[in-house]
Amino acid sequence: MKEIKLYQCDVCGTKYAEKLKARECEKYHAKDLEITTRDYRGMNESAGKFPVKIWVRSKDGTEVMYRR
């Protein structure tokens, strides 16, 4: 039997055989994101209470929209 040692990115969970690759993956992800805008629908238009769109901004000012 062989013991296998893997390293896992704390952000996305991807597993790597090399510690350096896992660290690179952790640095790659955008962190400390700020939600700048939320787009809701009225209760008569949608069954959900949560926003249907949100905009997030990273530290470098890049903004991205996510949709449900």
C-alpha atoms as a PDB file:
ATOM      1  CA  MET A   1       0.000   0.000   0.000  1.00  0.00           C
ATOM      2  CA  LYS A   2       1.181   3.526  -0.805  1.00  0.00           C
ATOM      3  CA  GLU A   3       0.510   6.642   1.180  1.00  0.00           C
ATOM      4  CA  ILE A   4      -0.366   9.594  -1.037  1.00  0.00           C
ATOM      5  CA  LYS A   5       0.144  13.139   0.191  1.00  0.00           C
ATOM      6  CA  LEU A   6      -1.821  15.923  -1.497  1.00  0.00           C
ATOM      7  CA  TYR A   7      -2.114  19.663  -0.982  1.00  0.00           C
ATOM      8  CA  GLN A   8      -5.499  21.341  -1.269  1.00  0.00           C
ATOM      9  CA  CYS A   9      -6.319  24.926  -2.210  1.00  0.00           C
ATOM     10  CA  ASP A  10      -8.174  26.511   0.731  1.00  0.00           C
ATOM     11  CA  VAL A  11     -10.271  28.612  -1.655  1.00  0.00           C
ATOM     12  CA  CYS A  12     -11.592  26.184  -4.303  1.00  0.00           C
ATOM     13  CA  GLY A  13     -10.678  22.777  -2.902  1.00  0.00           C
ATOM     14  CA  THR A  14      -8.605  21.609  -5.877  1.00  0.00           C
ATOM     15  CA  LYS A  15      -5.969  19.030  -4.847  1.00  0.00           C
ATOM     16  CA  TYR A  16      -2.355  19.111  -6.032  1.00  0.00           C
ATOM     17  CA  ALA A  17       0.597  16.782  -5.661  1.00  0.00           C
ATOM     18  CA  GLU A  18       2.901  19.795  -5.236  1.00  0.00           C
ATOM     19  CA  LYS A  19       2.617  22.265  -2.367  1.00  0.00           C
ATOM     20  CA  LEU A  20       3.779  25.127  -4.632  1.00  0.00           C
ATOM     21  CA  LYS A  21       0.916  24.522  -7.082  1.00  0.00           C
ATOM     22  CA  ALA A  22      -1.656  24.627  -4.260  1.00  0.00           C
ATOM     23  CA  ARG A  23      -0.171  27.920  -3.022  1.00  0.00           C
ATOM     24  CA  GLU A  24      -0.247  29.364  -6.548  1.00  0.00           C
ATOM     25  CA  CYS A  25      -3.900  28.363  -6.842  1.00  0.00           C
ATOM     26  CA  GLU A  26      -4.736  30.080  -3.536  1.00  0.00           C
ATOM     27  CA  LYS A  27      -3.037  33.283  -4.707  1.00  0.00           C
ATOM     28  CA  TYR A  28      -4.806  33.116  -8.082  1.00  0.00           C
ATOM     29  CA  HIS A  29      -8.340  33.507  -6.694  1.00  0.00           C
ATOM     30  CA  ALA A  30      -9.920  36.907  -6.098  1.00  0.00           C
ATOM     31  CA  LYS A  31     -10.470  37.344  -2.373  1.00  0.00           C
ATOM     32  CA  ASP A  32     -11.893  40.024  -0.093  1.00  0.00           C
ATOM     33  CA  LEU A  33     -14.624  40.762  -2.622  1.00  0.00           C
ATOM     34  CA  GLU A  34     -17.088  43.540  -1.925  1.00  0.00           C
ATOM     35  CA  ILE A  35     -20.726  43.258  -2.998  1.00  0.00           C
ATOM     36  CA  THR A  36     -21.449  46.626  -4.599  1.00  0.00           C
ATOM     37  CA  THR A  37     -24.978  46.199  -5.973  1.00  0.00           C
ATOM     38  CA  ARG A  38     -27.882  43.795  -5.484  1.00  0.00           C
ATOM     39  CA  ASP A  39     -30.791  43.432  -7.893  1.00  0.00           C
ATOM     40  CA  TYR A  40     -34.011  42.102  -6.378  1.00  0.00           C
ATOM     41  CA  ARG A  41     -37.411  41.342  -7.886  1.00  0.00           C
ATOM     42  CA  GLY A  42     -40.713  42.180  -6.239  1.00  0.00           C
ATOM     43  CA  MET A  43     -42.486  39.407  -4.359  1.00  0.00           C
ATOM     44  CA  ASN A  44     -45.132  39.224  -7.109  1.00  0.00           C
ATOM     45  CA  GLU A  45     -42.471  38.747  -9.805  1.00  0.00           C
ATOM     46  CA  SER A  46     -40.350  36.038  -8.204  1.00  0.00           C
ATOM     47  CA  ALA A  47     -40.675  33.242  -5.683  1.00  0.00           C
ATOM     48  CA  GLY A  48     -37.295  33.936  -4.069  1.00  0.00           C
ATOM     49  CA  LYS A  49     -36.193  36.419  -1.416  1.00  0.00           C
ATOM     50  CA  PHE A  50     -32.604  36.471  -2.599  1.00  0.00           C
ATOM     51  CA  PRO A  51     -31.158  38.849  -5.189  1.00  0.00           C
ATOM     52  CA  VAL A  52     -31.369  37.712  -8.805  1.00  0.00           C
ATOM     53  CA  LYS A  53     -28.118  39.563  -9.614  1.00  0.00           C
ATOM     54  CA  ILE A  54     -25.192  40.804  -7.569  1.00  0.00           C
ATOM     55  CA  TRP A  55     -22.156  42.821  -8.571  1.00  0.00           C
ATOM     56  CA  VAL A  56     -18.861  42.195  -6.804  1.00  0.00           C
ATOM     57  CA  ARG A  57     -15.693  44.285  -6.876  1.00  0.00           C
ATOM     58  CA  SER A  58     -12.158  43.049  -6.243  1.00  0.00           C
ATOM     59  CA  LYS A  59      -9.351  45.020  -4.601  1.00  0.00           C
ATOM     60  CA  ASP A  60      -8.030  46.090  -8.021  1.00  0.00           C
ATOM     61  CA  GLY A  61     -11.422  47.621  -8.940  1.00  0.00           C
ATOM     62  CA  THR A  62     -12.552  44.898 -11.352  1.00  0.00           C
ATOM     63  CA  GLU A  63     -16.314  44.420 -11.124  1.00  0.00           C
ATOM     64  CA  VAL A  64     -18.244  41.301 -12.183  1.00  0.00           C
ATOM     65  CA  MET A  65     -21.978  40.525 -12.200  1.00  0.00           C
ATOM     66  CA  TYR A  66     -23.363  37.174 -11.047  1.00  0.00           C
ATOM     67  CA  ARG A  67     -26.866  36.037 -11.892  1.00  0.00           C
ATOM     68  CA  ARG A  68     -29.044  33.430 -10.212  1.00  0.00           C
END
